[in-house]
Amino acid sequence: MSDRWIVLASRSPRRRSLLEGAGWRVDVRVPVIDDGDLEPQHTTASEWTTALAWLKARAVRDVVLAEGGELTEWPIVAGDTVCEHHGELLGQPADAAAAAHMIRGLRSAAHRVWTGLCVLRPGQERRIGAIHAVVTLGDVSDAEIDQYVGSGAWKGKAGGYNLSDRIEAGWPIRYSGESSTIMGMPMPLLERLMKDDRP
């Protein structure tokens, strides 16, 4: 699959790395969609993430079609990730204070991490899906949280944290489900949506 190309509608280095690790060649196009301007209101995590993924993929598709060229022959993939905790959907924190508040709220409890995907294949209708994993964050100290938030590493991450980064840092984290779901590009779901037959 090393000769296959995907247009990734995301600036996320984690999503790009997962795709490249699976053998895809990736052309990154950042969608002009500001999640902060949108509110989930009464939608579920599955509905919200797939709706945002669809909006991002469509925005990039419109640009690609306007430009023409070989990109119009490549599938466009977009994803969106949120944390769900006690019925509340947590996206990317707006600032350091919000990041600290989110992480403290997730401490010593389990939460779900949802990622929705949208795949737009040339000549075919959109394909969407969502999947979740469960993450349990242990008793991280206030000092550890403050040090992490001060580093700025929370930026651009749903729930304010990156799974592999926090595991490497020694935070007490357990999870069930696909790690790629938590990182924003669930590879088994992508493979299903990319198939020629209906998922």
Protein backbone atom coordinates (compact mmCIF):
# COMPACT_ATOMS: atom_id res chain seq x y z
CA MET A 1 0.00 0.00 0.00
CA SER A 2 3.07 2.25 -0.04
CA ASP A 3 2.02 3.71 -3.40
CA ARG A 4 -1.40 4.71 -2.10
CA TRP A 5 -2.19 8.31 -1.22
CA ILE A 6 -4.63 9.80 1.26
CA VAL A 7 -5.60 13.44 1.66
CA LEU A 8 -5.67 14.00 5.42
CA ALA A 9 -8.02 16.79 6.47
CA SER A 10 -6.17 17.50 9.70
CA ARG A 11 -3.02 19.18 10.99
CA SER A 12 -2.60 16.49 13.67
CA PRO A 13 0.89 14.95 13.58
CA ARG A 14 -0.47 11.91 15.44
CA ARG A 15 -3.03 11.15 12.73
CA ARG A 16 -0.44 11.58 10.02
CA SER A 17 2.01 9.31 11.84
CA LEU A 18 -0.58 6.56 12.23
CA LEU A 19 -1.45 6.68 8.53
CA GLU A 20 2.18 6.67 7.45
CA GLY A 21 2.87 3.81 9.83
CA ALA A 22 0.17 1.84 8.03
CA GLY A 23 1.88 2.45 4.69
CA TRP A 24 -0.10 5.41 3.36
CA ARG A 25 1.47 8.41 1.71
CA VAL A 26 -0.21 11.49 3.14
CA ASP A 27 -1.03 14.91 1.70
CA VAL A 28 -2.10 17.18 4.57
CA ARG A 29 -4.80 19.77 3.95
CA VAL A 30 -6.01 21.71 6.99
CA PRO A 31 -9.78 22.35 6.94
CA VAL A 32 -10.99 25.86 7.76
CA ILE A 33 -13.34 24.68 10.49
CA ASP A 34 -13.16 26.16 14.00
CA ASP A 35 -14.56 23.60 16.45
CA GLY A 36 -14.69 26.32 19.10
CA ASP A 37 -17.45 28.08 17.18
CA LEU A 38 -19.69 24.99 17.34
CA GLU A 39 -21.60 23.48 20.23
CA PRO A 40 -22.65 19.82 20.56
CA GLN A 41 -25.83 20.74 22.47
CA HIS A 42 -27.88 17.52 22.76
CA THR A 43 -25.99 15.33 20.30
CA THR A 44 -24.22 12.17 21.38
CA ALA A 45 -20.45 11.80 21.24
CA SER A 46 -20.79 9.51 18.22
CA GLU A 47 -23.03 11.97 16.38
CA TRP A 48 -20.85 14.96 17.26
CA THR A 49 -17.54 13.46 16.20
CA THR A 50 -18.89 12.12 12.91
CA ALA A 51 -20.61 15.43 12.14
CA LEU A 52 -17.37 17.36 12.66
CA ALA A 53 -15.39 14.81 10.66
CA TRP A 54 -17.86 15.22 7.79
CA LEU A 55 -17.65 19.02 7.93
CA LYS A 56 -13.84 18.89 7.85
CA ALA A 57 -13.71 16.38 5.00
CA ARG A 58 -16.24 18.36 2.96
CA ALA A 59 -14.35 21.62 3.49
CA VAL A 60 -11.13 20.05 2.19
CA ARG A 61 -12.95 18.30 -0.67
CA ASP A 62 -14.30 21.64 -1.90
CA VAL A 63 -10.77 23.08 -1.99
CA VAL A 64 -9.33 20.00 -3.69
CA LEU A 65 -12.03 20.02 -6.37
CA ALA A 66 -11.52 23.73 -7.00
CA GLU A 67 -7.78 23.18 -7.47
CA GLY A 68 -8.18 20.11 -9.69
CA GLY A 69 -5.22 17.81 -10.32
CA GLU A 70 -4.39 14.38 -9.01
CA LEU A 71 -5.63 15.04 -5.47
CA THR A 72 -9.20 14.69 -6.78
CA GLU A 73 -8.47 10.97 -7.34
CA TRP A 74 -7.40 10.32 -3.74
CA PRO A 75 -9.64 9.53 -0.76
CA ILE A 76 -10.08 12.32 1.76
CA VAL A 77 -10.03 11.32 5.44
CA ALA A 78 -11.05 13.49 8.38
CA GLY A 79 -11.44 12.71 12.05
CA ASP A 80 -12.57 14.31 15.26
CA THR A 81 -11.99 13.21 18.85
CA VAL A 82 -13.72 14.07 22.12
CA CYS A 83 -13.67 12.76 25.66
CA GLU A 84 -16.98 11.86 27.28
CA HIS A 85 -17.13 12.08 31.06
CA HIS A 86 -20.29 12.02 33.17
CA GLY A 87 -22.32 12.87 30.06
CA GLU A 88 -20.21 15.91 29.18
CA LEU A 89 -18.27 16.12 25.92
CA LEU A 90 -14.74 17.49 26.29
CA GLY A 91 -12.90 18.66 23.20
CA GLN A 92 -9.67 20.63 22.98
CA PRO A 93 -9.17 23.03 25.91
CA ALA A 94 -9.32 26.72 25.02
CA ASP A 95 -6.47 27.70 27.32
CA ALA A 96 -4.18 26.45 30.09
CA ALA A 97 -6.76 26.99 32.82
CA ALA A 98 -9.31 24.93 30.88
CA ALA A 99 -6.73 22.18 30.32
CA ALA A 100 -5.92 21.97 34.03
CA HIS A 101 -9.63 21.90 34.89
CA MET A 102 -10.29 19.11 32.37
CA ILE A 103 -7.46 16.91 33.56
CA ARG A 104 -8.35 17.35 37.23
CA GLY A 105 -11.92 16.43 36.34
CA LEU A 106 -10.76 13.22 34.64
CA ARG A 107 -8.47 12.24 37.52
CA SER A 108 -9.16 9.04 39.48
CA ALA A 109 -11.93 7.96 37.13
CA ALA A 110 -12.66 6.34 33.79
CA HIS A 111 -13.83 8.23 30.72
CA ARG A 112 -14.58 7.39 27.11
CA VAL A 113 -12.57 8.71 24.20
CA TRP A 114 -14.59 8.85 20.97
CA THR A 115 -13.18 9.33 17.50
CA GLY A 116 -15.42 9.80 14.48
CA LEU A 117 -14.13 9.39 10.94
CA CYS A 118 -15.36 10.48 7.54
CA VAL A 119 -13.98 9.04 4.31
CA LEU A 120 -14.81 10.69 0.99
CA ARG A 121 -13.82 8.43 -1.89
CA PRO A 122 -13.86 9.68 -5.49
CA GLY A 123 -17.21 8.96 -7.10
CA GLN A 124 -18.74 7.50 -3.93
CA GLU A 125 -20.91 8.82 -1.16
CA ARG A 126 -19.39 9.65 2.19
CA ARG A 127 -18.74 6.93 4.68
CA ILE A 128 -18.77 7.75 8.38
CA GLY A 129 -18.36 5.89 11.63
CA ALA A 130 -17.34 6.35 15.24
CA ILE A 131 -15.73 4.16 17.87
CA HIS A 132 -14.63 4.63 21.45
CA ALA A 133 -12.02 3.41 23.92
CA VAL A 134 -12.08 3.67 27.70
CA VAL A 135 -9.28 5.46 29.54
CA THR A 136 -8.74 5.43 33.30
CA LEU A 137 -6.54 8.17 34.68
CA GLY A 138 -5.18 7.48 38.14
CA ASP A 139 -4.40 9.84 41.00
CA VAL A 140 -2.11 12.36 39.30
CA SER A 141 -0.92 15.05 41.70
CA ASP A 142 -1.78 18.72 41.30
CA ALA A 143 1.93 19.46 40.92
CA GLU A 144 2.26 16.99 38.05
CA ILE A 145 -0.77 18.47 36.33
CA ASP A 146 0.49 22.01 36.77
CA GLN A 147 3.92 21.10 35.41
CA TYR A 148 2.37 19.39 32.38
CA VAL A 149 -0.03 22.25 31.66
CA GLY A 150 2.83 24.73 31.98
CA SER A 151 4.69 22.88 29.21
CA GLY A 152 1.94 23.66 26.69
CA ALA A 153 1.77 20.02 25.60
CA TRP A 154 -2.02 20.01 26.18
CA LYS A 155 -2.66 22.21 23.13
CA GLY A 156 -4.71 20.64 20.37
CA LYS A 157 -5.58 17.51 22.36
CA ALA A 158 -9.07 16.35 23.29
CA GLY A 159 -9.32 16.25 27.07
CA GLY A 160 -6.00 18.09 27.27
CA TYR A 161 -3.70 15.08 27.11
CA ASN A 162 -1.91 12.71 24.72
CA LEU A 163 -2.06 9.04 25.66
CA SER A 164 1.41 7.83 24.66
CA ASP A 165 3.07 10.99 25.94
CA ARG A 166 1.49 10.68 29.39
CA ILE A 167 2.23 6.95 29.61
CA GLU A 168 5.89 7.66 28.81
CA ALA A 169 5.87 10.37 31.48
CA GLY A 170 4.81 7.76 34.05
CA TRP A 171 1.26 8.92 34.66
CA PRO A 172 -0.99 6.13 35.97
CA ILE A 173 -3.10 5.49 32.86
CA ARG A 174 -4.89 2.33 31.76
CA TYR A 175 -7.04 1.89 28.70
CA SER A 176 -9.16 -0.68 26.91
CA GLY A 177 -9.78 -0.52 23.19
CA GLU A 178 -7.57 0.61 20.32
CA SER A 179 -4.83 3.07 21.20
CA SER A 180 -5.24 4.53 17.69
CA THR A 181 -8.81 5.51 18.65
CA ILE A 182 -7.47 7.56 21.55
CA MET A 183 -4.83 9.09 19.27
CA GLY A 184 -7.48 10.25 16.81
CA MET A 185 -7.22 7.80 13.90
CA PRO A 186 -8.79 4.41 14.70
CA MET A 187 -7.09 2.23 12.10
CA PRO A 188 -9.52 -0.75 12.16
CA LEU A 189 -12.45 1.63 11.58
CA LEU A 190 -10.57 3.40 8.79
CA GLU A 191 -9.84 0.09 7.08
CA ARG A 192 -13.53 -0.81 7.22
CA LEU A 193 -14.64 2.54 5.81
CA MET A 194 -12.05 2.34 3.03
CA LYS A 195 -13.27 -1.01 1.72
CA ASP A 196 -14.91 -1.14 -1.70
CA ASP A 197 -17.98 -2.87 -0.29
CA ARG A 198 -20.38 -1.25 2.11
CA PRO A 199 -19.20 -1.29 5.74
